[in-house]
PDB file of N, CA and C in Angstrom:
ATOM      1  N   MET A   1       0.579  -1.338  -0.112  1.00  0.00           N
ATOM      2  CA  MET A   1       0.640   0.096   0.310  1.00  0.00           C
ATOM      3  C   MET A   1       0.890   1.212  -0.058  1.00  0.00           C
ATOM      4  N   ARG A   2       0.658   2.245  -0.851  1.00  0.00           N
ATOM      5  CA  ARG A   2       1.110   3.338  -0.811  1.00  0.00           C
ATOM      6  C   ARG A   2       0.230   4.585  -0.314  1.00  0.00           C
ATOM      7  N   ILE A   3       1.131   5.283   0.586  1.00  0.00           N
ATOM      8  CA  ILE A   3      -0.180   6.409   0.861  1.00  0.00           C
ATOM      9  C   ILE A   3       0.830   7.824   0.265  1.00  0.00           C
ATOM     10  N   GLU A   4      -0.080   8.537   0.049  1.00  0.00           N
ATOM     11  CA  GLU A   4       0.416   9.783  -0.864  1.00  0.00           C
ATOM     12  C   GLU A   4      -0.500  11.138  -0.090  1.00  0.00           C
ATOM     13  N   GLU A   5       0.315  12.413  -0.563  1.00  0.00           N
ATOM     14  CA  GLU A   5      -0.382  13.376  -0.009  1.00  0.00           C
ATOM     15  C   GLU A   5      -1.199  14.199  -1.383  1.00  0.00           C
ATOM     16  N   VAL A   6      -2.446  14.584  -1.158  1.00  0.00           N
ATOM     17  CA  VAL A   6      -3.603  15.176  -2.210  1.00  0.00           C
ATOM     18  C   VAL A   6      -3.748  16.394  -1.588  1.00  0.00           C
ATOM     19  N   SER A   7      -4.692  17.411  -2.623  1.00  0.00           N
ATOM     20  CA  SER A   7      -5.041  18.306  -2.320  1.00  0.00           C
ATOM     21  C   SER A   7      -6.506  18.009  -1.450  1.00  0.00           C
ATOM     22  N   LEU A   8      -6.873  18.771  -0.850  1.00  0.00           N
ATOM     23  CA  LEU A   8      -8.279  18.761  -0.240  1.00  0.00           C
ATOM     24  C   LEU A   8      -9.579  19.221  -1.505  1.00  0.00           C
ATOM     25  N   ARG A   9      -8.795  20.352  -2.796  1.00  0.00           N
ATOM     26  CA  ARG A   9      -9.803  20.271  -3.703  1.00  0.00           C
ATOM     27  C   ARG A   9      -9.886  19.195  -4.776  1.00  0.00           C
ATOM     28  N   GLU A  10      -8.763  18.148  -4.608  1.00  0.00           N
ATOM     29  CA  GLU A  10      -8.818  17.014  -5.582  1.00  0.00           C
ATOM     30  C   GLU A  10      -9.748  15.944  -4.809  1.00  0.00           C
ATOM     31  N   VAL A  11      -9.991  15.834  -3.249  1.00  0.00           N
ATOM     32  CA  VAL A  11     -10.425  15.299  -3.005  1.00  0.00           C
ATOM     33  C   VAL A  11     -12.197  15.653  -3.111  1.00  0.00           C
ATOM     34  N   GLN A  12     -12.541  16.865  -2.912  1.00  0.00           N
ATOM     35  CA  GLN A  12     -13.993  17.180  -3.193  1.00  0.00           C
ATOM     36  C   GLN A  12     -14.323  17.037  -4.559  1.00  0.00           C
ATOM     37  N   GLU A  13     -13.516  16.916  -5.934  1.00  0.00           N
ATOM     38  CA  GLU A  13     -13.848  16.911  -7.271  1.00  0.00           C
ATOM     39  C   GLU A  13     -14.319  15.330  -7.099  1.00  0.00           C
ATOM     40  N   VAL A  14     -13.455  14.782  -6.968  1.00  0.00           N
ATOM     41  CA  VAL A  14     -13.722  13.137  -6.998  1.00  0.00           C
ATOM     42  C   VAL A  14     -15.075  12.676  -6.122  1.00  0.00           C
ATOM     43  N   TRP A  15     -14.851  12.982  -5.121  1.00  0.00           N
ATOM     44  CA  TRP A  15     -16.255  12.975  -4.398  1.00  0.00           C
ATOM     45  C   TRP A  15     -17.524  13.485  -5.050  1.00  0.00           C
ATOM     46  N   GLU A  16     -17.421  14.969  -5.546  1.00  0.00           N
ATOM     47  CA  GLU A  16     -18.827  15.121  -6.268  1.00  0.00           C
ATOM     48  C   GLU A  16     -18.809  14.302  -7.535  1.00  0.00           C
ATOM     49  N   THR A  17     -17.713  13.750  -8.511  1.00  0.00           N
ATOM     50  CA  THR A  17     -17.636  12.939  -9.509  1.00  0.00           C
ATOM     51  C   THR A  17     -18.280  11.651  -9.020  1.00  0.00           C
ATOM     52  N   ASN A  18     -18.075  11.236  -7.835  1.00  0.00           N
ATOM     53  CA  ASN A  18     -18.684   9.594  -7.719  1.00  0.00           C
ATOM     54  C   ASN A  18     -19.981   9.870  -6.906  1.00  0.00           C
ATOM     55  N   ARG A  19     -20.362  11.055  -6.628  1.00  0.00           N
ATOM     56  CA  ARG A  19     -21.653  11.364  -5.705  1.00  0.00           C
ATOM     57  C   ARG A  19     -22.695  10.907  -7.042  1.00  0.00           C
ATOM     58  N   ARG A  20     -22.454  11.367  -8.091  1.00  0.00           N
ATOM     59  CA  ARG A  20     -23.625  11.363  -9.340  1.00  0.00           C
ATOM     60  C   ARG A  20     -23.949  10.021  -9.498  1.00  0.00           C
ATOM     61  N   TYR A  21     -22.813   9.205  -9.534  1.00  0.00           N
ATOM     62  CA  TYR A  21     -22.959   7.735  -9.803  1.00  0.00           C
ATOM     63  C   TYR A  21     -23.234   6.678  -8.754  1.00  0.00           C
ATOM     64  N   SER A  22     -23.261   7.366  -7.509  1.00  0.00           N
ATOM     65  CA  SER A  22     -23.695   6.349  -6.253  1.00  0.00           C
ATOM     66  C   SER A  22     -25.035   5.421  -6.602  1.00  0.00           C
ATOM     67  N   ALA A  23     -24.883   3.970  -6.719  1.00  0.00           N
ATOM     68  CA  ALA A  23     -26.046   3.480  -6.397  1.00  0.00           C
ATOM     69  C   ALA A  23     -26.672   3.379  -8.055  1.00  0.00           C
ATOM     70  N   ALA A  24     -25.500   3.353  -8.895  1.00  0.00           N
ATOM     71  CA  ALA A  24     -26.115   3.712 -10.384  1.00  0.00           C
ATOM     72  C   ALA A  24     -25.388   2.580 -11.268  1.00  0.00           C
ATOM     73  N   SER A  25     -25.935   1.733 -12.024  1.00  0.00           N
ATOM     74  CA  SER A  25     -25.240   1.104 -13.203  1.00  0.00           C
ATOM     75  C   SER A  25     -24.326   1.860 -13.854  1.00  0.00           C
ATOM     76  N   ARG A  26     -22.957   1.297 -13.778  1.00  0.00           N
ATOM     77  CA  ARG A  26     -22.380   1.987 -14.470  1.00  0.00           C
ATOM     78  C   ARG A  26     -21.669   1.857 -16.051  1.00  0.00           C
ATOM     79  N   SER A  27     -23.057   1.462 -16.520  1.00  0.00           N
ATOM     80  CA  SER A  27     -22.705   1.272 -17.883  1.00  0.00           C
ATOM     81  C   SER A  27     -22.309   2.431 -18.417  1.00  0.00           C
ATOM     82  N   PRO A  28     -21.921   2.558 -19.372  1.00  0.00           N
ATOM     83  CA  PRO A  28     -21.627   3.431 -20.559  1.00  0.00           C
ATOM     84  C   PRO A  28     -22.796   4.535 -21.431  1.00  0.00           C
ATOM     85  N   GLU A  29     -23.561   3.653 -21.539  1.00  0.00           N
ATOM     86  CA  GLU A  29     -24.887   4.062 -21.486  1.00  0.00           C
ATOM     87  C   GLU A  29     -25.599   5.172 -20.452  1.00  0.00           C
ATOM     88  N   MET A  30     -25.626   4.378 -19.384  1.00  0.00           N
ATOM     89  CA  MET A  30     -25.849   5.080 -18.102  1.00  0.00           C
ATOM     90  C   MET A  30     -25.156   6.803 -17.512  1.00  0.00           C
ATOM     91  N   ILE A  31     -23.635   6.379 -18.202  1.00  0.00           N
ATOM     92  CA  ILE A  31     -22.648   7.665 -17.705  1.00  0.00           C
ATOM     93  C   ILE A  31     -23.379   8.121 -18.817  1.00  0.00           C
ATOM     94  N   ALA A  32     -23.135   8.215 -20.172  1.00  0.00           N
ATOM     95  CA  ALA A  32     -23.536   9.098 -20.988  1.00  0.00           C
ATOM     96  C   ALA A  32     -24.681   9.905 -20.491  1.00  0.00           C
ATOM     97  N   LEU A  33     -25.853   9.371 -20.079  1.00  0.00           N
ATOM     98  CA  LEU A  33     -26.911  10.005 -19.943  1.00  0.00           C
ATOM     99  C   LEU A  33     -26.853  10.931 -18.488  1.00  0.00           C
ATOM    100  N   VAL A  34     -26.276   9.977 -17.522  1.00  0.00           N
ATOM    101  CA  VAL A  34     -26.345  11.058 -16.524  1.00  0.00           C
ATOM    102  C   VAL A  34     -25.243  12.200 -16.877  1.00  0.00           C
ATOM    103  N   ASP A  35     -24.686  12.429 -17.576  1.00  0.00           N
ATOM    104  CA  ASP A  35     -23.631  13.403 -18.129  1.00  0.00           C
ATOM    105  C   ASP A  35     -24.227  14.356 -18.832  1.00  0.00           C
ATOM    106  N   ALA A  36     -25.275  13.790 -19.966  1.00  0.00           N
ATOM    107  CA  ALA A  36     -25.961  14.629 -20.754  1.00  0.00           C
ATOM    108  C   ALA A  36     -27.509  15.793 -20.067  1.00  0.00           C
ATOM    109  N   LEU A  37     -27.892  14.505 -19.039  1.00  0.00           N
ATOM    110  CA  LEU A  37     -28.981  15.385 -18.262  1.00  0.00           C
ATOM    111  C   LEU A  37     -28.367  16.337 -17.143  1.00  0.00           C
ATOM    112  N   SER A  38     -27.026  15.991 -16.979  1.00  0.00           N
ATOM    113  CA  SER A  38     -26.563  17.130 -15.973  1.00  0.00           C
ATOM    114  C   SER A  38     -26.381  18.321 -16.520  1.00  0.00           C
ATOM    115  N   LYS A  39     -25.995  18.523 -17.519  1.00  0.00           N
ATOM    116  CA  LYS A  39     -25.371  19.725 -18.259  1.00  0.00           C
ATOM    117  C   LYS A  39     -26.659  20.225 -19.095  1.00  0.00           C
ATOM    118  N   MET A  40     -27.692  19.569 -19.106  1.00  0.00           N
ATOM    119  CA  MET A  40     -29.137  20.117 -19.367  1.00  0.00           C
ATOM    120  C   MET A  40     -30.000  20.925 -18.205  1.00  0.00           C
ATOM    121  N   ASP A  41     -30.201  22.319 -19.122  1.00  0.00           N
ATOM    122  CA  ASP A  41     -31.239  23.042 -18.107  1.00  0.00           C
ATOM    123  C   ASP A  41     -32.785  22.875 -18.468  1.00  0.00           C
ATOM    124  N   VAL A  42     -33.513  23.581 -17.948  1.00  0.00           N
ATOM    125  CA  VAL A  42     -35.112  23.663 -17.829  1.00  0.00           C
ATOM    126  C   VAL A  42     -35.282  24.189 -19.269  1.00  0.00           C
ATOM    127  N   GLY A  43     -35.953  23.471 -19.938  1.00  0.00           N
ATOM    128  CA  GLY A  43     -36.877  23.494 -21.189  1.00  0.00           C
ATOM    129  C   GLY A  43     -36.407  22.565 -22.199  1.00  0.00           C
ATOM    130  N   ASP A  44     -34.772  22.093 -21.859  1.00  0.00           N
ATOM    131  CA  ASP A  44     -33.551  21.626 -22.856  1.00  0.00           C
ATOM    132  C   ASP A  44     -34.547  20.378 -23.298  1.00  0.00           C
ATOM    133  N   ALA A  45     -34.321  19.734 -24.491  1.00  0.00           N
ATOM    134  CA  ALA A  45     -34.929  18.858 -24.986  1.00  0.00           C
ATOM    135  C   ALA A  45     -33.787  18.181 -25.893  1.00  0.00           C
ATOM    136  N   ARG A  46     -33.738  16.741 -25.754  1.00  0.00           N
ATOM    137  CA  ARG A  46     -33.261  15.958 -26.482  1.00  0.00           C
ATOM    138  C   ARG A  46     -33.864  14.424 -27.123  1.00  0.00           C
ATOM    139  N   ALA A  47     -33.209  13.781 -27.746  1.00  0.00           N
ATOM    140  CA  ALA A  47     -33.986  12.674 -27.752  1.00  0.00           C
ATOM    141  C   ALA A  47     -32.901  11.184 -28.315  1.00  0.00           C
ATOM    142  N   ILE A  48     -32.907  10.090 -28.114  1.00  0.00           N
ATOM    143  CA  ILE A  48     -32.657   8.840 -27.787  1.00  0.00           C
ATOM    144  C   ILE A  48     -32.707   8.258 -29.154  1.00  0.00           C
ATOM    145  N   GLY A  49     -32.132   7.496 -29.896  1.00  0.00           N
ATOM    146  CA  GLY A  49     -32.609   6.592 -31.131  1.00  0.00           C
ATOM    147  C   GLY A  49     -32.272   5.381 -30.365  1.00  0.00           C
ATOM    148  N   TYR A  50     -33.125   4.498 -30.814  1.00  0.00           N
ATOM    149  CA  TYR A  50     -32.819   2.820 -30.246  1.00  0.00           C
ATOM    150  C   TYR A  50     -33.015   2.148 -31.087  1.00  0.00           C
ATOM    151  N   ALA A  51     -32.332   0.612 -30.946  1.00  0.00           N
ATOM    152  CA  ALA A  51     -32.471  -0.357 -31.872  1.00  0.00           C
ATOM    153  C   ALA A  51     -33.728  -0.986 -31.912  1.00  0.00           C
ATOM    154  N   GLU A  52     -34.395  -1.709 -33.078  1.00  0.00           N
ATOM    155  CA  GLU A  52     -35.528  -2.516 -33.072  1.00  0.00           C
ATOM    156  C   GLU A  52     -35.298  -3.452 -31.873  1.00  0.00           C
ATOM    157  N   GLU A  53     -33.955  -4.049 -31.584  1.00  0.00           N
ATOM    158  CA  GLU A  53     -34.210  -5.257 -30.736  1.00  0.00           C
ATOM    159  C   GLU A  53     -34.590  -5.003 -29.520  1.00  0.00           C
ATOM    160  N   ARG A  54     -34.304  -3.365 -28.788  1.00  0.00           N
ATOM    161  CA  ARG A  54     -34.671  -2.906 -27.694  1.00  0.00           C
ATOM    162  C   ARG A  54     -36.000  -2.125 -27.555  1.00  0.00           C
ATOM    163  N   THR A  55     -36.827  -2.426 -26.112  1.00  0.00           N
ATOM    164  CA  THR A  55     -37.897  -1.632 -26.401  1.00  0.00           C
ATOM    165  C   THR A  55     -37.581  -0.408 -26.075  1.00  0.00           C
ATOM    166  N   PRO A  56     -38.655   0.588 -26.105  1.00  0.00           N
ATOM    167  CA  PRO A  56     -38.971   1.825 -25.933  1.00  0.00           C
ATOM    168  C   PRO A  56     -39.210   2.024 -24.481  1.00  0.00           C
ATOM    169  N   ASN A  57     -39.927   1.322 -23.900  1.00  0.00           N
ATOM    170  CA  ASN A  57     -39.800   1.364 -22.159  1.00  0.00           C
ATOM    171  C   ASN A  57     -38.390   0.869 -21.562  1.00  0.00           C
ATOM    172  N   ASN A  58     -37.695   0.189 -21.989  1.00  0.00           N
ATOM    173  CA  ASN A  58     -36.271   0.036 -21.292  1.00  0.00           C
ATOM    174  C   ASN A  58     -35.921   1.071 -21.549  1.00  0.00           C
ATOM    175  N   VAL A  59     -35.640   1.902 -22.780  1.00  0.00           N
ATOM    176  CA  VAL A  59     -34.837   3.122 -23.077  1.00  0.00           C
ATOM    177  C   VAL A  59     -35.447   4.257 -22.132  1.00  0.00           C
ATOM    178  N   LYS A  60     -37.005   4.339 -21.703  1.00  0.00           N
ATOM    179  CA  LYS A  60     -37.616   5.168 -21.035  1.00  0.00           C
ATOM    180  C   LYS A  60     -37.277   5.128 -19.678  1.00  0.00           C
ATOM    181  N   LEU A  61     -37.357   4.299 -19.283  1.00  0.00           N
ATOM    182  CA  LEU A  61     -36.943   3.808 -17.550  1.00  0.00           C
ATOM    183  C   LEU A  61     -35.702   3.964 -17.430  1.00  0.00           C
ATOM    184  N   GLN A  62     -34.712   4.014 -18.402  1.00  0.00           N
ATOM    185  CA  GLN A  62     -33.373   4.256 -18.190  1.00  0.00           C
ATOM    186  C   GLN A  62     -33.026   5.861 -18.090  1.00  0.00           C
ATOM    187  N   VAL A  63     -33.817   6.671 -19.112  1.00  0.00           N
ATOM    188  CA  VAL A  63     -34.022   8.044 -18.974  1.00  0.00           C
ATOM    189  C   VAL A  63     -34.342   8.417 -17.659  1.00  0.00           C
ATOM    190  N   GLN A  64     -35.596   7.944 -17.290  1.00  0.00           N
ATOM    191  CA  GLN A  64     -35.897   8.393 -15.888  1.00  0.00           C
ATOM    192  C   GLN A  64     -35.138   7.855 -14.582  1.00  0.00           C
ATOM    193  N   LYS A  65     -34.618   7.026 -14.751  1.00  0.00           N
ATOM    194  CA  LYS A  65     -33.409   6.737 -13.782  1.00  0.00           C
ATOM    195  C   LYS A  65     -32.305   7.669 -13.735  1.00  0.00           C
ATOM    196  N   ALA A  66     -31.726   7.838 -15.063  1.00  0.00           N
ATOM    197  CA  ALA A  66     -30.696   8.908 -15.130  1.00  0.00           C
ATOM    198  C   ALA A  66     -30.960   9.726 -14.637  1.00  0.00           C
ATOM    199  N   ALA A  67     -32.295  10.335 -14.845  1.00  0.00           N
ATOM    200  CA  ALA A  67     -32.662  11.896 -14.204  1.00  0.00           C
ATOM    201  C   ALA A  67     -33.115  12.250 -12.830  1.00  0.00           C
ATOM    202  N   LYS A  68     -33.451  10.821 -11.840  1.00  0.00           N
ATOM    203  CA  LYS A  68     -33.223  10.984 -10.758  1.00  0.00           C
ATOM    204  C   LYS A  68     -32.284  10.716  -9.790  1.00  0.00           C
ATOM    205  N   LEU A  69     -31.011  10.306 -10.663  1.00  0.00           N
ATOM    206  CA  LEU A  69     -29.734  10.273 -10.118  1.00  0.00           C
ATOM    207  C   LEU A  69     -29.453  11.640 -10.375  1.00  0.00           C
ATOM    208  N   VAL A  70     -29.743  12.529 -11.505  1.00  0.00           N
ATOM    209  CA  VAL A  70     -29.117  13.859 -11.477  1.00  0.00           C
ATOM    210  C   VAL A  70     -29.728  14.761 -10.519  1.00  0.00           C
ATOM    211  N   GLY A  71     -30.946  14.291 -10.141  1.00  0.00           N
ATOM    212  CA  GLY A  71     -31.928  15.448  -9.045  1.00  0.00           C
ATOM    213  C   GLY A  71     -32.532  15.819  -9.968  1.00  0.00           C
ATOM    214  N   LYS A  72     -33.138  15.749 -11.320  1.00  0.00           N
ATOM    215  CA  LYS A  72     -33.851  16.587 -12.644  1.00  0.00           C
ATOM    216  C   LYS A  72     -35.046  15.823 -12.792  1.00  0.00           C
ATOM    217  N   ASN A  73     -36.157  16.337 -13.060  1.00  0.00           N
ATOM    218  CA  ASN A  73     -37.621  16.518 -13.434  1.00  0.00           C
ATOM    219  C   ASN A  73     -37.726  16.414 -14.587  1.00  0.00           C
ATOM    220  N   VAL A  74     -38.061  15.207 -15.393  1.00  0.00           N
ATOM    221  CA  VAL A  74     -38.113  14.841 -17.076  1.00  0.00           C
ATOM    222  C   VAL A  74     -39.378  14.393 -17.356  1.00  0.00           C
ATOM    223  N   ASN A  75     -39.907  15.139 -18.488  1.00  0.00           N
ATOM    224  CA  ASN A  75     -40.873  14.567 -19.224  1.00  0.00           C
ATOM    225  C   ASN A  75     -40.096  13.759 -20.541  1.00  0.00           C
ATOM    226  N   VAL A  76     -40.855  12.391 -19.982  1.00  0.00           N
ATOM    227  CA  VAL A  76     -40.531  11.228 -21.680  1.00  0.00           C
ATOM    228  C   VAL A  76     -41.211  10.803 -22.174  1.00  0.00           C
ATOM    229  N   VAL A  77     -40.843  10.765 -23.748  1.00  0.00           N
ATOM    230  CA  VAL A  77     -42.328  10.611 -24.673  1.00  0.00           C
ATOM    231  C   VAL A  77     -41.699   9.569 -25.753  1.00  0.00           C
ATOM    232  N   ILE A  78     -42.412   8.542 -25.984  1.00  0.00           N
ATOM    233  CA  ILE A  78     -41.792   7.592 -26.626  1.00  0.00           C
ATOM    234  C   ILE A  78     -42.394   7.897 -28.314  1.00  0.00           C
ATOM    235  N   ASP A  79     -41.191   7.680 -29.296  1.00  0.00           N
ATOM    236  CA  ASP A  79     -42.019   8.311 -30.603  1.00  0.00           C
ATOM    237  C   ASP A  79     -41.494   6.636 -31.508  1.00  0.00           C
ATOM    238  N   GLU A  80     -42.301   6.012 -31.371  1.00  0.00           N
ATOM    239  CA  GLU A  80     -42.162   4.498 -32.107  1.00  0.00           C
ATOM    240  C   GLU A  80     -41.804   4.536 -33.554  1.00  0.00           C
ATOM    241  N   SER A  81     -42.461   5.794 -34.232  1.00  0.00           N
ATOM    242  CA  SER A  81     -42.546   6.138 -35.937  1.00  0.00           C
ATOM    243  C   SER A  81     -41.302   6.262 -36.391  1.00  0.00           C
ATOM    244  N   GLN A  82     -40.186   6.425 -35.164  1.00  0.00           N
ATOM    245  CA  GLN A  82     -39.017   7.015 -35.998  1.00  0.00           C
ATOM    246  C   GLN A  82     -37.993   6.593 -35.020  1.00  0.00           C
ATOM    247  N   LEU A  83     -38.383   5.373 -33.893  1.00  0.00           N
ATOM    248  CA  LEU A  83     -37.793   4.505 -32.864  1.00  0.00           C
ATOM    249  C   LEU A  83     -36.826   5.361 -32.028  1.00  0.00           C
ATOM    250  N   ARG A  84     -37.499   6.101 -31.785  1.00  0.00           N
ATOM    251  CA  ARG A  84     -36.214   7.175 -30.496  1.00  0.00           C
ATOM    252  C   ARG A  84     -37.526   7.573 -29.367  1.00  0.00           C
ATOM    253  N   VAL A  85     -36.865   7.866 -28.231  1.00  0.00           N
ATOM    254  CA  VAL A  85     -37.151   8.580 -26.797  1.00  0.00           C
ATOM    255  C   VAL A  85     -36.848   9.746 -26.956  1.00  0.00           C
ATOM    256  N   MET A  86     -37.751  10.775 -26.651  1.00  0.00           N
ATOM    257  CA  MET A  86     -37.532  12.200 -26.608  1.00  0.00           C
ATOM    258  C   MET A  86     -37.892  12.450 -24.991  1.00  0.00           C
ATOM    259  N   PHE A  87     -36.901  13.365 -24.464  1.00  0.00           N
ATOM    260  CA  PHE A  87     -37.126  13.639 -23.199  1.00  0.00           C
ATOM    261  C   PHE A  87     -36.895  15.361 -22.913  1.00  0.00           C
ATOM    262  N   SER A  88     -37.648  15.773 -22.089  1.00  0.00           N
ATOM    263  CA  SER A  88     -37.143  17.446 -21.706  1.00  0.00           C
ATOM    264  C   SER A  88     -37.079  17.383 -20.229  1.00  0.00           C
ATOM    265  N   VAL A  89     -36.041  18.561 -19.818  1.00  0.00           N
ATOM    266  CA  VAL A  89     -36.344  18.757 -18.309  1.00  0.00           C
ATOM    267  C   VAL A  89     -37.223  19.871 -17.856  1.00  0.00           C
ATOM    268  N   MET A  90     -38.334  19.505 -16.974  1.00  0.00           N
ATOM    269  CA  MET A  90     -39.248  20.588 -16.280  1.00  0.00           C
ATOM    270  C   MET A  90     -38.819  21.029 -15.295  1.00  0.00           C
ATOM    271  N   ASP A  91     -39.251  22.213 -15.075  1.00  0.00           N
ATOM    272  CA  ASP A  91     -39.272  22.996 -13.541  1.00  0.00           C
ATOM    273  C   ASP A  91     -40.006  22.224 -12.784  1.00  0.00           C
ATOM    274  N   ARG A  92     -41.108  21.828 -12.765  1.00  0.00           N
ATOM    275  CA  ARG A  92     -42.225  21.633 -11.911  1.00  0.00           C
ATOM    276  C   ARG A  92     -41.879  19.933 -11.466  1.00  0.00           C
ATOM    277  N   PRO A  93     -42.243  19.824 -10.431  1.00  0.00           N
ATOM    278  CA  PRO A  93     -41.785  18.171  -9.641  1.00  0.00           C
ATOM    279  C   PRO A  93     -42.858  17.185 -10.727  1.00  0.00           C
ATOM    280  N   ALA A  94     -42.025  16.044 -10.613  1.00  0.00           N
ATOM    281  CA  ALA A  94     -42.956  14.922 -11.075  1.00  0.00           C
ATOM    282  C   ALA A  94     -44.306  14.991 -10.201  1.00  0.00           C
ATOM    283  N   ARG A  95     -45.544  14.414 -11.134  1.00  0.00           N
ATOM    284  CA  ARG A  95     -46.627  13.929 -10.553  1.00  0.00           C
ATOM    285  C   ARG A  95     -46.699  12.678  -9.861  1.00  0.00           C
ATOM    286  N   ARG A  96     -47.182  12.806  -8.672  1.00  0.00           N
ATOM    287  CA  ARG A  96     -47.669  11.925  -7.810  1.00  0.00           C
ATOM    288  C   ARG A  96     -48.636  11.347  -7.899  1.00  0.00           C
ATOM    289  N   ARG A  97     -48.760   9.899  -7.771  1.00  0.00           N
ATOM    290  CA  ARG A  97     -49.957   9.163  -7.955  1.00  0.00           C
ATOM    291  C   ARG A  97     -50.645   8.696  -6.784  1.00  0.00           C
ATOM    292  N   ARG A  98     -51.767   8.730  -6.827  1.00  0.00           N
ATOM    293  CA  ARG A  98     -51.987   8.645  -5.425  1.00  0.00           C
ATOM    294  C   ARG A  98     -52.650   6.930  -5.492  1.00  0.00           C
ATOM    295  N   ALA A  99     -52.700   6.926  -4.294  1.00  0.00           N
ATOM    296  CA  ALA A  99     -52.512   5.178  -3.692  1.00  0.00           C
ATOM    297  C   ALA A  99     -53.928   4.924  -3.742  1.00  0.00           C
ATOM    298  N   ARG A 100     -54.619   3.649  -4.295  1.00  0.00           N
ATOM    299  CA  ARG A 100     -55.739   2.947  -4.461  1.00  0.00           C
ATOM    300  C   ARG A 100     -56.079   2.494  -3.193  1.00  0.00           C
ATOM    301  N   THR A 101     -57.364   3.049  -2.512  1.00  0.00           N
ATOM    302  CA  THR A 101     -57.856   2.536  -1.280  1.00  0.00           C
ATOM    303  C   THR A 101     -58.896   1.371  -1.548  1.00  0.00           C
TER     304      THR A 101
END
């Protein structure tokens, strides 16, 4: 084991970077989604193309999971005619579902 001296700034930068990915799948797709969402502002929109062998619902769930990691509210829409999933960052909180009684 080798112990070396590092600056506090370096520790904070690494901690901030790792915090975004905690408890997340570290697949390259997820990392790219988290990075893209973290750079987006309210009102920005993007689209992700998917191959025919992937289901659009899986892509939609992946976008929602990445948005939750970043702490942003997104509106996700599936466009099956062009094989893409579109999403935009919203300023209002996501709607909550009421529990059935």
